[in-house]
Amino acid sequence: MVRSVEGLTTKVLNECLRKNVDFGILKRISYPEVPPRVEYEVTAFGERFIGVLDELEALADALED
């Protein structure tokens, strides 16, 4: 992901992921493997939160028209 987004560093990505886990938007799953592997899943709260953001975006788009 870091390579696909211009200007995104590993440090910034990790900070954002950590904050989203702290807020309950994402769930972190780490696997005891070598090399280490970590995956993230959107929580039920995260799904609802994304829905709210989508509605706000639609409202903003409607106001621009």
N, C-alpha and C. Protein backbone atom coordinates (compact mmCIF):
# COMPACT_ATOMS: atom_id res chain seq x y z
N MET A 1 0.83 -1.19 0.00
CA MET A 1 0.00 0.00 0.00
C MET A 1 0.87 1.25 0.00
N VAL A 2 1.96 1.21 0.73
CA VAL A 2 2.84 2.38 0.80
C VAL A 2 3.34 2.76 -0.59
N ARG A 3 3.66 1.78 -1.39
CA ARG A 3 4.18 2.06 -2.75
C ARG A 3 3.11 2.61 -3.68
N SER A 4 1.85 2.28 -3.42
CA SER A 4 0.79 2.69 -4.34
C SER A 4 0.23 4.08 -4.04
N VAL A 5 0.56 4.65 -2.89
CA VAL A 5 0.06 5.98 -2.54
C VAL A 5 1.24 6.93 -2.42
N GLU A 6 1.27 7.89 -3.31
CA GLU A 6 2.39 8.83 -3.32
C GLU A 6 2.43 9.64 -2.03
N GLY A 7 3.61 9.74 -1.43
CA GLY A 7 3.78 10.51 -0.21
C GLY A 7 3.48 9.77 1.07
N LEU A 8 2.97 8.55 0.97
CA LEU A 8 2.64 7.76 2.16
C LEU A 8 3.88 7.00 2.62
N THR A 9 4.21 7.16 3.89
CA THR A 9 5.34 6.42 4.45
C THR A 9 4.81 5.29 5.32
N THR A 10 5.67 4.33 5.60
CA THR A 10 5.30 3.22 6.46
C THR A 10 4.92 3.73 7.85
N LYS A 11 5.63 4.72 8.34
CA LYS A 11 5.35 5.28 9.65
C LYS A 11 3.94 5.89 9.71
N VAL A 12 3.60 6.67 8.71
CA VAL A 12 2.28 7.32 8.67
C VAL A 12 1.18 6.26 8.54
N LEU A 13 1.39 5.27 7.69
CA LEU A 13 0.40 4.21 7.53
C LEU A 13 0.18 3.48 8.85
N ASN A 14 1.26 3.11 9.54
CA ASN A 14 1.14 2.40 10.81
C ASN A 14 0.42 3.24 11.86
N GLU A 15 0.70 4.54 11.90
CA GLU A 15 0.02 5.43 12.84
C GLU A 15 -1.48 5.48 12.55
N CYS A 16 -1.83 5.60 11.29
CA CYS A 16 -3.26 5.65 10.92
C CYS A 16 -3.96 4.34 11.25
N LEU A 17 -3.33 3.22 10.94
CA LEU A 17 -3.92 1.93 11.26
C LEU A 17 -4.10 1.78 12.77
N ARG A 18 -3.10 2.17 13.54
CA ARG A 18 -3.16 2.06 15.01
C ARG A 18 -4.31 2.91 15.56
N LYS A 19 -4.47 4.12 15.04
CA LYS A 19 -5.56 4.99 15.50
C LYS A 19 -6.92 4.39 15.17
N ASN A 20 -7.04 3.81 13.98
CA ASN A 20 -8.31 3.20 13.60
C ASN A 20 -8.62 1.97 14.44
N VAL A 21 -7.59 1.23 14.85
CA VAL A 21 -7.79 0.11 15.78
C VAL A 21 -8.24 0.65 17.13
N ASP A 22 -7.59 1.71 17.61
CA ASP A 22 -7.95 2.32 18.90
C ASP A 22 -9.38 2.84 18.90
N PHE A 23 -9.83 3.39 17.78
CA PHE A 23 -11.19 3.91 17.68
C PHE A 23 -12.22 2.80 17.51
N GLY A 24 -11.77 1.58 17.21
CA GLY A 24 -12.70 0.46 17.03
C GLY A 24 -13.19 0.30 15.60
N ILE A 25 -12.58 1.00 14.67
CA ILE A 25 -12.97 0.92 13.26
C ILE A 25 -12.38 -0.33 12.61
N LEU A 26 -11.15 -0.65 13.00
CA LEU A 26 -10.45 -1.82 12.46
C LEU A 26 -10.10 -2.79 13.57
N LYS A 27 -9.95 -4.05 13.19
CA LYS A 27 -9.48 -5.10 14.09
C LYS A 27 -8.15 -5.59 13.55
N ARG A 28 -7.14 -5.67 14.43
CA ARG A 28 -5.80 -6.11 14.03
C ARG A 28 -5.65 -7.59 14.34
N ILE A 29 -5.20 -8.35 13.35
CA ILE A 29 -4.96 -9.78 13.52
C ILE A 29 -3.50 -10.04 13.18
N SER A 30 -2.75 -10.51 14.17
CA SER A 30 -1.33 -10.81 13.92
C SER A 30 -1.12 -12.32 13.98
N TYR A 31 -0.28 -12.80 13.10
CA TYR A 31 -0.01 -14.23 12.99
C TYR A 31 1.42 -14.51 13.44
N PRO A 32 1.62 -15.56 14.24
CA PRO A 32 2.96 -15.89 14.73
C PRO A 32 3.79 -16.59 13.66
N GLU A 33 4.18 -15.84 12.65
CA GLU A 33 4.92 -16.39 11.52
C GLU A 33 6.23 -15.63 11.35
N VAL A 34 7.12 -16.22 10.61
CA VAL A 34 8.37 -15.56 10.24
C VAL A 34 8.42 -15.52 8.73
N PRO A 35 8.44 -14.36 8.10
CA PRO A 35 8.38 -13.03 8.71
C PRO A 35 6.98 -12.75 9.28
N PRO A 36 6.88 -11.79 10.21
CA PRO A 36 5.59 -11.48 10.83
C PRO A 36 4.56 -11.05 9.79
N ARG A 37 3.32 -11.44 10.02
CA ARG A 37 2.23 -11.05 9.12
C ARG A 37 1.11 -10.48 9.96
N VAL A 38 0.57 -9.35 9.53
CA VAL A 38 -0.53 -8.69 10.22
C VAL A 38 -1.61 -8.37 9.20
N GLU A 39 -2.86 -8.61 9.57
CA GLU A 39 -3.98 -8.26 8.71
C GLU A 39 -4.94 -7.39 9.51
N TYR A 40 -5.72 -6.60 8.79
CA TYR A 40 -6.71 -5.73 9.42
C TYR A 40 -8.07 -6.03 8.80
N GLU A 41 -9.10 -6.01 9.65
CA GLU A 41 -10.48 -6.20 9.21
C GLU A 41 -11.32 -5.03 9.70
N VAL A 42 -12.31 -4.66 8.93
CA VAL A 42 -13.24 -3.62 9.36
C VAL A 42 -14.22 -4.26 10.35
N THR A 43 -14.42 -3.60 11.50
CA THR A 43 -15.33 -4.10 12.52
C THR A 43 -16.77 -3.72 12.15
N ALA A 44 -17.73 -4.25 12.91
CA ALA A 44 -19.13 -3.89 12.70
C ALA A 44 -19.33 -2.39 12.91
N PHE A 45 -18.69 -1.85 13.93
CA PHE A 45 -18.74 -0.40 14.15
C PHE A 45 -18.13 0.34 12.97
N GLY A 46 -17.03 -0.17 12.45
CA GLY A 46 -16.37 0.44 11.30
C GLY A 46 -17.28 0.48 10.08
N GLU A 47 -18.03 -0.60 9.86
CA GLU A 47 -18.98 -0.63 8.74
C GLU A 47 -20.03 0.47 8.89
N ARG A 48 -20.55 0.61 10.11
CA ARG A 48 -21.56 1.67 10.35
C ARG A 48 -20.93 3.05 10.18
N PHE A 49 -19.70 3.21 10.67
CA PHE A 49 -19.00 4.48 10.56
C PHE A 49 -18.76 4.85 9.11
N ILE A 50 -18.35 3.89 8.30
CA ILE A 50 -18.14 4.13 6.87
C ILE A 50 -19.45 4.55 6.21
N GLY A 51 -20.56 3.94 6.64
CA GLY A 51 -21.87 4.33 6.10
C GLY A 51 -22.19 5.78 6.40
N VAL A 52 -21.87 6.23 7.61
CA VAL A 52 -22.09 7.63 7.99
C VAL A 52 -21.23 8.55 7.13
N LEU A 53 -19.96 8.17 6.93
CA LEU A 53 -19.08 8.98 6.08
C LEU A 53 -19.60 9.05 4.65
N ASP A 54 -20.11 7.94 4.14
CA ASP A 54 -20.68 7.94 2.78
C ASP A 54 -21.87 8.89 2.69
N GLU A 55 -22.71 8.90 3.73
CA GLU A 55 -23.86 9.81 3.73
C GLU A 55 -23.41 11.27 3.79
N LEU A 56 -22.38 11.56 4.58
CA LEU A 56 -21.86 12.92 4.64
C LEU A 56 -21.28 13.35 3.30
N GLU A 57 -20.59 12.44 2.63
CA GLU A 57 -20.04 12.75 1.32
C GLU A 57 -21.15 13.03 0.31
N ALA A 58 -22.22 12.24 0.36
CA ALA A 58 -23.35 12.46 -0.55
C ALA A 58 -24.01 13.81 -0.26
N LEU A 59 -24.11 14.16 1.01
CA LEU A 59 -24.69 15.46 1.37
C LEU A 59 -23.82 16.60 0.86
N ALA A 60 -22.52 16.48 1.01
CA ALA A 60 -21.60 17.52 0.52
C ALA A 60 -21.70 17.64 -1.00
N ASP A 61 -21.77 16.50 -1.69
CA ASP A 61 -21.91 16.54 -3.14
C ASP A 61 -23.22 17.21 -3.55
N ALA A 62 -24.30 16.95 -2.83
CA ALA A 62 -25.60 17.54 -3.15
C ALA A 62 -25.57 19.06 -2.94
N LEU A 63 -24.82 19.50 -1.93
CA LEU A 63 -24.73 20.93 -1.66
C LEU A 63 -23.92 21.67 -2.72
N GLU A 64 -22.99 20.97 -3.36
CA GLU A 64 -22.16 21.59 -4.40
C GLU A 64 -22.93 21.80 -5.70
N ASP A 65 -23.97 21.02 -5.92
CA ASP A 65 -24.74 21.13 -7.17
C ASP A 65 -25.65 22.30 -7.21
